[in-house]
């Protein structure tokens, strides 16, 4: 499997994760994305996808467009990546409240 094929598989995982996250939020009563703690995992996956995409030098125009799409999407959520890189369960109450904008 080439690096480009791996990137496409990771992108597929990310898209499935977004769909699953939306379904969970809906099932839990319509939780807004910005109030859902799972958004941190989504942002972390997108950050990794973005970093991987920056290393690729694809010749395929569709893959270039896909990489650009995720780079743009990451710009909108990069502030969701926890600055301390602590998992939510390891945060103090004050850290959690600050991250969750409570």
PDB file of N, CA and C in Angstrom:
ATOM      1  N   UNK A   1       0.850  -1.174   0.000  1.00  0.00           N
ATOM      2  CA  UNK A   1       0.000   0.000   0.000  1.00  0.00           C
ATOM      3  C   UNK A   1       0.901   1.245   0.000  1.00  0.00           C
ATOM      4  N   UNK A   2       0.585   2.168  -0.873  1.00  0.00           N
ATOM      5  CA  UNK A   2       1.378   3.393  -0.967  1.00  0.00           C
ATOM      6  C   UNK A   2       0.967   4.381   0.125  1.00  0.00           C
ATOM      7  N   UNK A   3       1.781   5.388   0.313  1.00  0.00           N
ATOM      8  CA  UNK A   3       1.470   6.436   1.298  1.00  0.00           C
ATOM      9  C   UNK A   3       0.180   7.162   0.921  1.00  0.00           C
ATOM     10  N   UNK A   4      -0.033   7.359  -0.356  1.00  0.00           N
ATOM     11  CA  UNK A   4      -1.256   8.031  -0.809  1.00  0.00           C
ATOM     12  C   UNK A   4      -2.490   7.182  -0.525  1.00  0.00           C
ATOM     13  N   UNK A   5      -2.374   5.871  -0.711  1.00  0.00           N
ATOM     14  CA  UNK A   5      -3.494   4.976  -0.404  1.00  0.00           C
ATOM     15  C   UNK A   5      -3.785   4.970   1.097  1.00  0.00           C
ATOM     16  N   UNK A   6      -2.723   5.007   1.902  1.00  0.00           N
ATOM     17  CA  UNK A   6      -2.914   5.076   3.361  1.00  0.00           C
ATOM     18  C   UNK A   6      -3.616   6.370   3.748  1.00  0.00           C
ATOM     19  N   UNK A   7      -3.230   7.457   3.111  1.00  0.00           N
ATOM     20  CA  UNK A   7      -3.870   8.746   3.392  1.00  0.00           C
ATOM     21  C   UNK A   7      -5.365   8.674   3.083  1.00  0.00           C
ATOM     22  N   UNK A   8      -5.709   8.087   1.973  1.00  0.00           N
ATOM     23  CA  UNK A   8      -7.119   7.969   1.579  1.00  0.00           C
ATOM     24  C   UNK A   8      -7.878   7.102   2.584  1.00  0.00           C
ATOM     25  N   UNK A   9      -7.250   6.049   3.091  1.00  0.00           N
ATOM     26  CA  UNK A   9      -7.905   5.202   4.100  1.00  0.00           C
ATOM     27  C   UNK A   9      -8.117   5.976   5.401  1.00  0.00           C
ATOM     28  N   UNK A  10      -7.129   6.750   5.811  1.00  0.00           N
ATOM     29  CA  UNK A  10      -7.273   7.554   7.032  1.00  0.00           C
ATOM     30  C   UNK A  10      -8.363   8.603   6.832  1.00  0.00           C
ATOM     31  N   UNK A  11      -8.407   9.186   5.651  1.00  0.00           N
ATOM     32  CA  UNK A  11      -9.458  10.163   5.349  1.00  0.00           C
ATOM     33  C   UNK A  11     -10.831   9.504   5.428  1.00  0.00           C
ATOM     34  N   UNK A  12     -10.940   8.284   4.951  1.00  0.00           N
ATOM     35  CA  UNK A  12     -12.198   7.544   5.049  1.00  0.00           C
ATOM     36  C   UNK A  12     -12.587   7.290   6.496  1.00  0.00           C
ATOM     37  N   UNK A  13     -11.594   6.961   7.323  1.00  0.00           N
ATOM     38  CA  UNK A  13     -11.850   6.775   8.753  1.00  0.00           C
ATOM     39  C   UNK A  13     -12.356   8.071   9.372  1.00  0.00           C
ATOM     40  N   UNK A  14     -11.724   9.180   9.025  1.00  0.00           N
ATOM     41  CA  UNK A  14     -12.132  10.474   9.575  1.00  0.00           C
ATOM     42  C   UNK A  14     -13.567  10.810   9.175  1.00  0.00           C
ATOM     43  N   UNK A  15     -13.916  10.569   7.928  1.00  0.00           N
ATOM     44  CA  UNK A  15     -15.281  10.848   7.466  1.00  0.00           C
ATOM     45  C   UNK A  15     -16.292   9.968   8.203  1.00  0.00           C
ATOM     46  N   UNK A  16     -15.944   8.693   8.415  1.00  0.00           N
ATOM     47  CA  UNK A  16     -16.827   7.796   9.170  1.00  0.00           C
ATOM     48  C   UNK A  16     -16.948   8.263  10.618  1.00  0.00           C
ATOM     49  N   UNK A  17     -15.854   8.738  11.185  1.00  0.00           N
ATOM     50  CA  UNK A  17     -15.859   9.252  12.558  1.00  0.00           C
ATOM     51  C   UNK A  17     -16.775  10.465  12.677  1.00  0.00           C
ATOM     52  N   UNK A  18     -16.731  11.368  11.699  1.00  0.00           N
ATOM     53  CA  UNK A  18     -17.614  12.539  11.720  1.00  0.00           C
ATOM     54  C   UNK A  18     -19.079  12.121  11.660  1.00  0.00           C
ATOM     55  N   UNK A  19     -19.380  11.141  10.827  1.00  0.00           N
ATOM     56  CA  UNK A  19     -20.752  10.653  10.704  1.00  0.00           C
ATOM     57  C   UNK A  19     -21.219  10.020  12.010  1.00  0.00           C
ATOM     58  N   UNK A  20     -20.370   9.202  12.605  1.00  0.00           N
ATOM     59  CA  UNK A  20     -20.703   8.557  13.871  1.00  0.00           C
ATOM     60  C   UNK A  20     -20.887   9.586  14.976  1.00  0.00           C
ATOM     61  N   UNK A  21     -20.026  10.570  15.025  1.00  0.00           N
ATOM     62  CA  UNK A  21     -20.119  11.630  16.027  1.00  0.00           C
ATOM     63  C   UNK A  21     -21.438  12.385  15.895  1.00  0.00           C
ATOM     64  N   UNK A  22     -21.821  12.695  14.675  1.00  0.00           N
ATOM     65  CA  UNK A  22     -23.091  13.397  14.450  1.00  0.00           C
ATOM     66  C   UNK A  22     -24.267  12.535  14.903  1.00  0.00           C
ATOM     67  N   UNK A  23     -24.196  11.233  14.636  1.00  0.00           N
ATOM     68  CA  UNK A  23     -25.270  10.330  15.061  1.00  0.00           C
ATOM     69  C   UNK A  23     -25.356  10.251  16.585  1.00  0.00           C
ATOM     70  N   UNK A  24     -24.220  10.191  17.247  1.00  0.00           N
ATOM     71  CA  UNK A  24     -24.201  10.146  18.716  1.00  0.00           C
ATOM     72  C   UNK A  24     -24.788  11.424  19.290  1.00  0.00           C
ATOM     73  N   UNK A  25     -24.375  12.566  18.753  1.00  0.00           N
ATOM     74  CA  UNK A  25     -24.886  13.846  19.261  1.00  0.00           C
ATOM     75  C   UNK A  25     -26.393  13.945  19.062  1.00  0.00           C
ATOM     76  N   UNK A  26     -26.879  13.458  17.934  1.00  0.00           N
ATOM     77  CA  UNK A  26     -28.317  13.474  17.664  1.00  0.00           C
ATOM     78  C   UNK A  26     -29.053  12.561  18.636  1.00  0.00           C
ATOM     79  N   UNK A  27     -28.513  11.365  18.836  1.00  0.00           N
ATOM     80  CA  UNK A  27     -29.150  10.400  19.726  1.00  0.00           C
ATOM     81  C   UNK A  27     -29.182  10.902  21.170  1.00  0.00           C
ATOM     82  N   UNK A  28     -28.208  11.692  21.548  1.00  0.00           N
ATOM     83  CA  UNK A  28     -28.148  12.213  22.914  1.00  0.00           C
ATOM     84  C   UNK A  28     -28.919  13.518  23.069  1.00  0.00           C
ATOM     85  N   UNK A  29     -29.832  13.765  22.173  1.00  0.00           N
ATOM     86  CA  UNK A  29     -30.704  14.918  22.322  1.00  0.00           C
ATOM     87  C   UNK A  29     -30.291  16.144  21.545  1.00  0.00           C
ATOM     88  N   UNK A  30     -29.460  15.983  20.550  1.00  0.00           N
ATOM     89  CA  UNK A  30     -29.075  17.127  19.722  1.00  0.00           C
ATOM     90  C   UNK A  30     -27.993  17.988  20.337  1.00  0.00           C
ATOM     91  N   UNK A  31     -26.983  17.351  20.913  1.00  0.00           N
ATOM     92  CA  UNK A  31     -25.865  18.087  21.510  1.00  0.00           C
ATOM     93  C   UNK A  31     -25.130  18.844  20.404  1.00  0.00           C
ATOM     94  N   UNK A  32     -24.873  20.112  20.633  1.00  0.00           N
ATOM     95  CA  UNK A  32     -24.110  20.911  19.663  1.00  0.00           C
ATOM     96  C   UNK A  32     -22.673  20.393  19.599  1.00  0.00           C
ATOM     97  N   UNK A  33     -22.078  20.428  18.418  1.00  0.00           N
ATOM     98  CA  UNK A  33     -20.722  19.912  18.231  1.00  0.00           C
ATOM     99  C   UNK A  33     -19.727  20.565  19.177  1.00  0.00           C
ATOM    100  N   UNK A  34     -19.884  21.866  19.421  1.00  0.00           N
ATOM    101  CA  UNK A  34     -18.922  22.559  20.287  1.00  0.00           C
ATOM    102  C   UNK A  34     -19.071  22.179  21.757  1.00  0.00           C
ATOM    103  N   UNK A  35     -20.153  21.490  22.112  1.00  0.00           N
ATOM    104  CA  UNK A  35     -20.354  21.038  23.490  1.00  0.00           C
ATOM    105  C   UNK A  35     -20.117  19.545  23.659  1.00  0.00           C
ATOM    106  N   UNK A  36     -19.633  18.893  22.640  1.00  0.00           N
ATOM    107  CA  UNK A  36     -19.433  17.444  22.665  1.00  0.00           C
ATOM    108  C   UNK A  36     -17.957  17.146  22.881  1.00  0.00           C
ATOM    109  N   UNK A  37     -17.632  16.409  23.944  1.00  0.00           N
ATOM    110  CA  UNK A  37     -16.220  16.151  24.252  1.00  0.00           C
ATOM    111  C   UNK A  37     -15.540  15.304  23.187  1.00  0.00           C
ATOM    112  N   UNK A  38     -16.292  14.521  22.417  1.00  0.00           N
ATOM    113  CA  UNK A  38     -15.709  13.731  21.341  1.00  0.00           C
ATOM    114  C   UNK A  38     -15.071  14.581  20.261  1.00  0.00           C
ATOM    115  N   UNK A  39     -15.385  15.870  20.265  1.00  0.00           N
ATOM    116  CA  UNK A  39     -14.816  16.752  19.240  1.00  0.00           C
ATOM    117  C   UNK A  39     -13.302  16.838  19.365  1.00  0.00           C
ATOM    118  N   UNK A  40     -12.764  16.613  20.570  1.00  0.00           N
ATOM    119  CA  UNK A  40     -11.314  16.648  20.737  1.00  0.00           C
ATOM    120  C   UNK A  40     -10.656  15.511  19.959  1.00  0.00           C
ATOM    121  N   UNK A  41     -11.275  14.322  20.014  1.00  0.00           N
ATOM    122  CA  UNK A  41     -10.735  13.191  19.262  1.00  0.00           C
ATOM    123  C   UNK A  41     -10.827  13.469  17.769  1.00  0.00           C
ATOM    124  N   UNK A  42     -11.943  14.005  17.335  1.00  0.00           N
ATOM    125  CA  UNK A  42     -12.089  14.362  15.920  1.00  0.00           C
ATOM    126  C   UNK A  42     -10.993  15.345  15.503  1.00  0.00           C
ATOM    127  N   UNK A  43     -10.756  16.356  16.336  1.00  0.00           N
ATOM    128  CA  UNK A  43      -9.733  17.357  16.017  1.00  0.00           C
ATOM    129  C   UNK A  43      -8.346  16.729  15.989  1.00  0.00           C
ATOM    130  N   UNK A  44      -8.082  15.787  16.905  1.00  0.00           N
ATOM    131  CA  UNK A  44      -6.784  15.113  16.919  1.00  0.00           C
ATOM    132  C   UNK A  44      -6.583  14.275  15.660  1.00  0.00           C
ATOM    133  N   UNK A  45      -7.632  13.566  15.230  1.00  0.00           N
ATOM    134  CA  UNK A  45      -7.535  12.764  14.005  1.00  0.00           C
ATOM    135  C   UNK A  45      -7.307  13.682  12.808  1.00  0.00           C
ATOM    136  N   UNK A  46      -8.016  14.790  12.765  1.00  0.00           N
ATOM    137  CA  UNK A  46      -7.855  15.739  11.665  1.00  0.00           C
ATOM    138  C   UNK A  46      -6.461  16.357  11.678  1.00  0.00           C
ATOM    139  N   UNK A  47      -5.925  16.627  12.866  1.00  0.00           N
ATOM    140  CA  UNK A  47      -4.565  17.161  12.971  1.00  0.00           C
ATOM    141  C   UNK A  47      -3.558  16.171  12.388  1.00  0.00           C
ATOM    142  N   UNK A  48      -3.712  14.888  12.726  1.00  0.00           N
ATOM    143  CA  UNK A  48      -2.817  13.864  12.209  1.00  0.00           C
ATOM    144  C   UNK A  48      -2.972  13.725  10.697  1.00  0.00           C
ATOM    145  N   UNK A  49      -4.206  13.763  10.225  1.00  0.00           N
ATOM    146  CA  UNK A  49      -4.481  13.679   8.792  1.00  0.00           C
ATOM    147  C   UNK A  49      -3.839  14.855   8.060  1.00  0.00           C
ATOM    148  N   UNK A  50      -3.924  16.026   8.641  1.00  0.00           N
ATOM    149  CA  UNK A  50      -3.332  17.229   8.061  1.00  0.00           C
ATOM    150  C   UNK A  50      -1.808  17.114   8.004  1.00  0.00           C
ATOM    151  N   UNK A  51      -1.202  16.656   9.100  1.00  0.00           N
ATOM    152  CA  UNK A  51       0.259  16.510   9.139  1.00  0.00           C
ATOM    153  C   UNK A  51       0.727  15.481   8.108  1.00  0.00           C
ATOM    154  N   UNK A  52      -0.007  14.398   7.975  1.00  0.00           N
ATOM    155  CA  UNK A  52       0.337  13.367   6.994  1.00  0.00           C
ATOM    156  C   UNK A  52       0.206  13.922   5.578  1.00  0.00           C
ATOM    157  N   UNK A  53      -0.849  14.669   5.326  1.00  0.00           N
ATOM    158  CA  UNK A  53      -1.068  15.254   4.009  1.00  0.00           C
ATOM    159  C   UNK A  53       0.023  16.229   3.604  1.00  0.00           C
ATOM    160  N   UNK A  54       0.566  16.953   4.598  1.00  0.00           N
ATOM    161  CA  UNK A  54       1.639  17.911   4.303  1.00  0.00           C
ATOM    162  C   UNK A  54       2.911  17.211   3.839  1.00  0.00           C
ATOM    163  N   UNK A  55       3.106  15.963   4.242  1.00  0.00           N
ATOM    164  CA  UNK A  55       4.310  15.218   3.859  1.00  0.00           C
ATOM    165  C   UNK A  55       4.205  14.618   2.460  1.00  0.00           C
ATOM    166  N   UNK A  56       2.974  14.439   1.992  1.00  0.00           N
ATOM    167  CA  UNK A  56       2.776  13.839   0.673  1.00  0.00           C
ATOM    168  C   UNK A  56       3.033  14.858  -0.432  1.00  0.00           C
ATOM    169  N   UNK A  57       3.498  14.372  -1.528  1.00  0.00           N
ATOM    170  CA  UNK A  57       3.682  15.194  -2.729  1.00  0.00           C
ATOM    171  C   UNK A  57       2.903  14.521  -3.864  1.00  0.00           C
ATOM    172  N   UNK A  58       1.559  14.554  -3.772  1.00  0.00           N
ATOM    173  CA  UNK A  58       0.761  13.823  -4.765  1.00  0.00           C
ATOM    174  C   UNK A  58       0.750  14.506  -6.124  1.00  0.00           C
ATOM    175  N   UNK A  59       0.641  13.677  -7.141  1.00  0.00           N
ATOM    176  CA  UNK A  59       0.508  14.216  -8.497  1.00  0.00           C
ATOM    177  C   UNK A  59      -0.958  14.227  -8.924  1.00  0.00           C
ATOM    178  N   UNK A  60      -1.774  13.435  -8.247  1.00  0.00           N
ATOM    179  CA  UNK A  60      -3.196  13.333  -8.567  1.00  0.00           C
ATOM    180  C   UNK A  60      -3.943  14.581  -8.088  1.00  0.00           C
ATOM    181  N   UNK A  61      -4.675  15.211  -8.985  1.00  0.00           N
ATOM    182  CA  UNK A  61      -5.391  16.456  -8.662  1.00  0.00           C
ATOM    183  C   UNK A  61      -6.473  16.240  -7.608  1.00  0.00           C
ATOM    184  N   UNK A  62      -7.154  15.086  -7.657  1.00  0.00           N
ATOM    185  CA  UNK A  62      -8.204  14.811  -6.676  1.00  0.00           C
ATOM    186  C   UNK A  62      -7.619  14.671  -5.273  1.00  0.00           C
ATOM    187  N   UNK A  63      -6.477  14.022  -5.175  1.00  0.00           N
ATOM    188  CA  UNK A  63      -5.832  13.862  -3.871  1.00  0.00           C
ATOM    189  C   UNK A  63      -5.326  15.209  -3.356  1.00  0.00           C
ATOM    190  N   UNK A  64      -4.794  16.030  -4.247  1.00  0.00           N
ATOM    191  CA  UNK A  64      -4.366  17.379  -3.846  1.00  0.00           C
ATOM    192  C   UNK A  64      -5.546  18.171  -3.298  1.00  0.00           C
ATOM    193  N   UNK A  65      -6.691  18.064  -3.953  1.00  0.00           N
ATOM    194  CA  UNK A  65      -7.895  18.777  -3.503  1.00  0.00           C
ATOM    195  C   UNK A  65      -8.369  18.249  -2.153  1.00  0.00           C
ATOM    196  N   UNK A  66      -8.270  16.938  -1.953  1.00  0.00           N
ATOM    197  CA  UNK A  66      -8.668  16.338  -0.681  1.00  0.00           C
ATOM    198  C   UNK A  66      -7.766  16.825   0.451  1.00  0.00           C
ATOM    199  N   UNK A  67      -6.473  16.866   0.198  1.00  0.00           N
ATOM    200  CA  UNK A  67      -5.522  17.352   1.201  1.00  0.00           C
ATOM    201  C   UNK A  67      -5.821  18.809   1.536  1.00  0.00           C
ATOM    202  N   UNK A  68      -6.070  19.605   0.515  1.00  0.00           N
ATOM    203  CA  UNK A  68      -6.384  21.028   0.724  1.00  0.00           C
ATOM    204  C   UNK A  68      -7.675  21.185   1.532  1.00  0.00           C
ATOM    205  N   UNK A  69      -8.669  20.342   1.260  1.00  0.00           N
ATOM    206  CA  UNK A  69      -9.940  20.380   1.999  1.00  0.00           C
ATOM    207  C   UNK A  69      -9.693  20.143   3.488  1.00  0.00           C
ATOM    208  N   UNK A  70      -8.898  19.116   3.804  1.00  0.00           N
ATOM    209  CA  UNK A  70      -8.647  18.807   5.214  1.00  0.00           C
ATOM    210  C   UNK A  70      -7.758  19.861   5.874  1.00  0.00           C
ATOM    211  N   UNK A  71      -6.860  20.455   5.122  1.00  0.00           N
ATOM    212  CA  UNK A  71      -6.059  21.547   5.681  1.00  0.00           C
ATOM    213  C   UNK A  71      -6.959  22.717   6.053  1.00  0.00           C
ATOM    214  N   UNK A  72      -7.896  23.034   5.187  1.00  0.00           N
ATOM    215  CA  UNK A  72      -8.839  24.118   5.450  1.00  0.00           C
ATOM    216  C   UNK A  72      -9.734  23.783   6.640  1.00  0.00           C
ATOM    217  N   UNK A  73     -10.215  22.543   6.685  1.00  0.00           N
ATOM    218  CA  UNK A  73     -11.064  22.107   7.790  1.00  0.00           C
ATOM    219  C   UNK A  73     -10.305  22.176   9.117  1.00  0.00           C
ATOM    220  N   UNK A  74      -9.027  21.813   9.090  1.00  0.00           N
ATOM    221  CA  UNK A  74      -8.222  21.834  10.312  1.00  0.00           C
ATOM    222  C   UNK A  74      -8.043  23.254  10.834  1.00  0.00           C
ATOM    223  N   UNK A  75      -7.943  24.228   9.946  1.00  0.00           N
ATOM    224  CA  UNK A  75      -7.795  25.613  10.389  1.00  0.00           C
ATOM    225  C   UNK A  75      -8.972  26.040  11.259  1.00  0.00           C
ATOM    226  N   UNK A  76     -10.135  25.473  10.987  1.00  0.00           N
ATOM    227  CA  UNK A  76     -11.323  25.821  11.762  1.00  0.00           C
ATOM    228  C   UNK A  76     -11.423  25.137  13.110  1.00  0.00           C
ATOM    229  N   UNK A  77     -10.658  24.061  13.312  1.00  0.00           N
ATOM    230  CA  UNK A  77     -10.774  23.319  14.577  1.00  0.00           C
ATOM    231  C   UNK A  77      -9.463  23.179  15.332  1.00  0.00           C
ATOM    232  N   UNK A  78      -8.395  23.755  14.827  1.00  0.00           N
ATOM    233  CA  UNK A  78      -7.113  23.512  15.483  1.00  0.00           C
ATOM    234  C   UNK A  78      -7.075  24.024  16.913  1.00  0.00           C
ATOM    235  N   UNK A  79      -7.936  24.964  17.256  1.00  0.00           N
ATOM    236  CA  UNK A  79      -7.986  25.424  18.640  1.00  0.00           C
ATOM    237  C   UNK A  79      -8.678  24.410  19.550  1.00  0.00           C
ATOM    238  N   UNK A  80      -9.297  23.375  18.980  1.00  0.00           N
ATOM    239  CA  UNK A  80      -9.927  22.337  19.788  1.00  0.00           C
ATOM    240  C   UNK A  80      -8.929  21.301  20.286  1.00  0.00           C
ATOM    241  N   UNK A  81      -7.758  21.254  19.679  1.00  0.00           N
ATOM    242  CA  UNK A  81      -6.742  20.335  20.158  1.00  0.00           C
ATOM    243  C   UNK A  81      -6.306  20.864  21.515  1.00  0.00           C
ATOM    244  N   UNK A  82      -6.401  20.022  22.528  1.00  0.00           N
ATOM    245  CA  UNK A  82      -6.116  20.501  23.878  1.00  0.00           C
ATOM    246  C   UNK A  82      -4.663  20.943  23.981  1.00  0.00           C
ATOM    247  N   UNK A  83      -4.414  22.157  24.462  1.00  0.00           N
ATOM    248  CA  UNK A  83      -3.059  22.692  24.526  1.00  0.00           C
ATOM    249  C   UNK A  83      -2.112  21.828  25.358  1.00  0.00           C
ATOM    250  N   UNK A  84      -2.631  21.229  26.420  1.00  0.00           N
ATOM    251  CA  UNK A  84      -1.777  20.408  27.275  1.00  0.00           C
ATOM    252  C   UNK A  84      -1.627  18.993  26.736  1.00  0.00           C
ATOM    253  N   UNK A  85      -2.391  18.663  25.712  1.00  0.00           N
ATOM    254  CA  UNK A  85      -2.442  17.314  25.154  1.00  0.00           C
ATOM    255  C   UNK A  85      -2.835  16.274  26.190  1.00  0.00           C
ATOM    256  N   UNK A  86      -3.502  16.707  27.246  1.00  0.00           N
ATOM    257  CA  UNK A  86      -3.997  15.788  28.263  1.00  0.00           C
ATOM    258  C   UNK A  86      -5.325  15.217  27.801  1.00  0.00           C
ATOM    259  N   UNK A  87      -5.537  13.924  28.044  1.00  0.00           N
ATOM    260  CA  UNK A  87      -6.879  13.397  27.801  1.00  0.00           C
ATOM    261  C   UNK A  87      -7.860  14.055  28.757  1.00  0.00           C
ATOM    262  N   UNK A  88      -9.107  14.130  28.369  1.00  0.00           N
ATOM    263  CA  UNK A  88     -10.124  14.790  29.184  1.00  0.00           C
ATOM    264  C   UNK A  88     -10.171  14.192  30.585  1.00  0.00           C
ATOM    265  N   UNK A  89     -10.032  12.863  30.693  1.00  0.00           N
ATOM    266  CA  UNK A  89     -10.145  12.228  32.008  1.00  0.00           C
ATOM    267  C   UNK A  89      -8.983  12.558  32.945  1.00  0.00           C
ATOM    268  N   UNK A  90      -7.893  13.126  32.432  1.00  0.00           N
ATOM    269  CA  UNK A  90      -6.761  13.508  33.275  1.00  0.00           C
ATOM    270  C   UNK A  90      -6.766  14.992  33.635  1.00  0.00           C
ATOM    271  N   UNK A  91      -7.701  15.755  33.098  1.00  0.00           N
ATOM    272  CA  UNK A  91      -7.752  17.191  33.366  1.00  0.00           C
ATOM    273  C   UNK A  91      -8.331  17.465  34.748  1.00  0.00           C
ATOM    274  N   UNK A  92      -7.875  18.564  35.336  1.00  0.00           N
ATOM    275  CA  UNK A  92      -8.522  19.031  36.559  1.00  0.00           C
ATOM    276  C   UNK A  92      -9.859  19.642  36.165  1.00  0.00           C
ATOM    277  N   UNK A  93     -10.705  19.862  37.144  1.00  0.00           N
ATOM    278  CA  UNK A  93     -12.007  20.461  36.861  1.00  0.00           C
ATOM    279  C   UNK A  93     -11.832  21.831  36.207  1.00  0.00           C
ATOM    280  N   UNK A  94     -10.879  22.614  36.704  1.00  0.00           N
ATOM    281  CA  UNK A  94     -10.647  23.949  36.149  1.00  0.00           C
ATOM    282  C   UNK A  94     -10.189  23.870  34.686  1.00  0.00           C
ATOM    283  N   UNK A  95      -9.278  22.934  34.394  1.00  0.00           N
ATOM    284  CA  UNK A  95      -8.812  22.777  33.014  1.00  0.00           C
ATOM    285  C   UNK A  95      -9.971  22.366  32.104  1.00  0.00           C
ATOM    286  N   UNK A  96     -10.772  21.423  32.583  1.00  0.00           N
ATOM    287  CA  UNK A  96     -11.902  20.947  31.794  1.00  0.00           C
ATOM    288  C   UNK A  96     -12.893  22.072  31.527  1.00  0.00           C
ATOM    289  N   UNK A  97     -13.195  22.861  32.554  1.00  0.00           N
ATOM    290  CA  UNK A  97     -14.140  23.962  32.385  1.00  0.00           C
ATOM    291  C   UNK A  97     -13.607  24.995  31.399  1.00  0.00           C
ATOM    292  N   UNK A  98     -12.321  25.260  31.451  1.00  0.00           N
ATOM    293  CA  UNK A  98     -11.722  26.231  30.533  1.00  0.00           C
ATOM    294  C   UNK A  98     -11.802  25.712  29.091  1.00  0.00           C
ATOM    295  N   UNK A  99     -11.470  24.439  28.895  1.00  0.00           N
ATOM    296  CA  UNK A  99     -11.500  23.855  27.560  1.00  0.00           C
ATOM    297  C   UNK A  99     -12.925  23.779  27.023  1.00  0.00           C
ATOM    298  N   UNK A 100     -13.879  23.476  27.899  1.00  0.00           N
ATOM    299  CA  UNK A 100     -15.272  23.331  27.485  1.00  0.00           C
ATOM    300  C   UNK A 100     -16.014  24.666  27.448  1.00  0.00           C
ATOM    301  N   UNK A 101     -15.326  25.753  27.785  1.00  0.00           N
ATOM    302  CA  UNK A 101     -15.940  27.086  27.801  1.00  0.00           C
ATOM    303  C   UNK A 101     -17.133  27.154  28.746  1.00  0.00           C
ATOM    304  N   UNK A 102     -16.975  26.546  29.907  1.00  0.00           N
ATOM    305  CA  UNK A 102     -18.057  26.552  30.906  1.00  0.00           C
ATOM    306  C   UNK A 102     -17.843  27.722  31.850  1.00  0.00           C
TER     307      UNK A 102
END
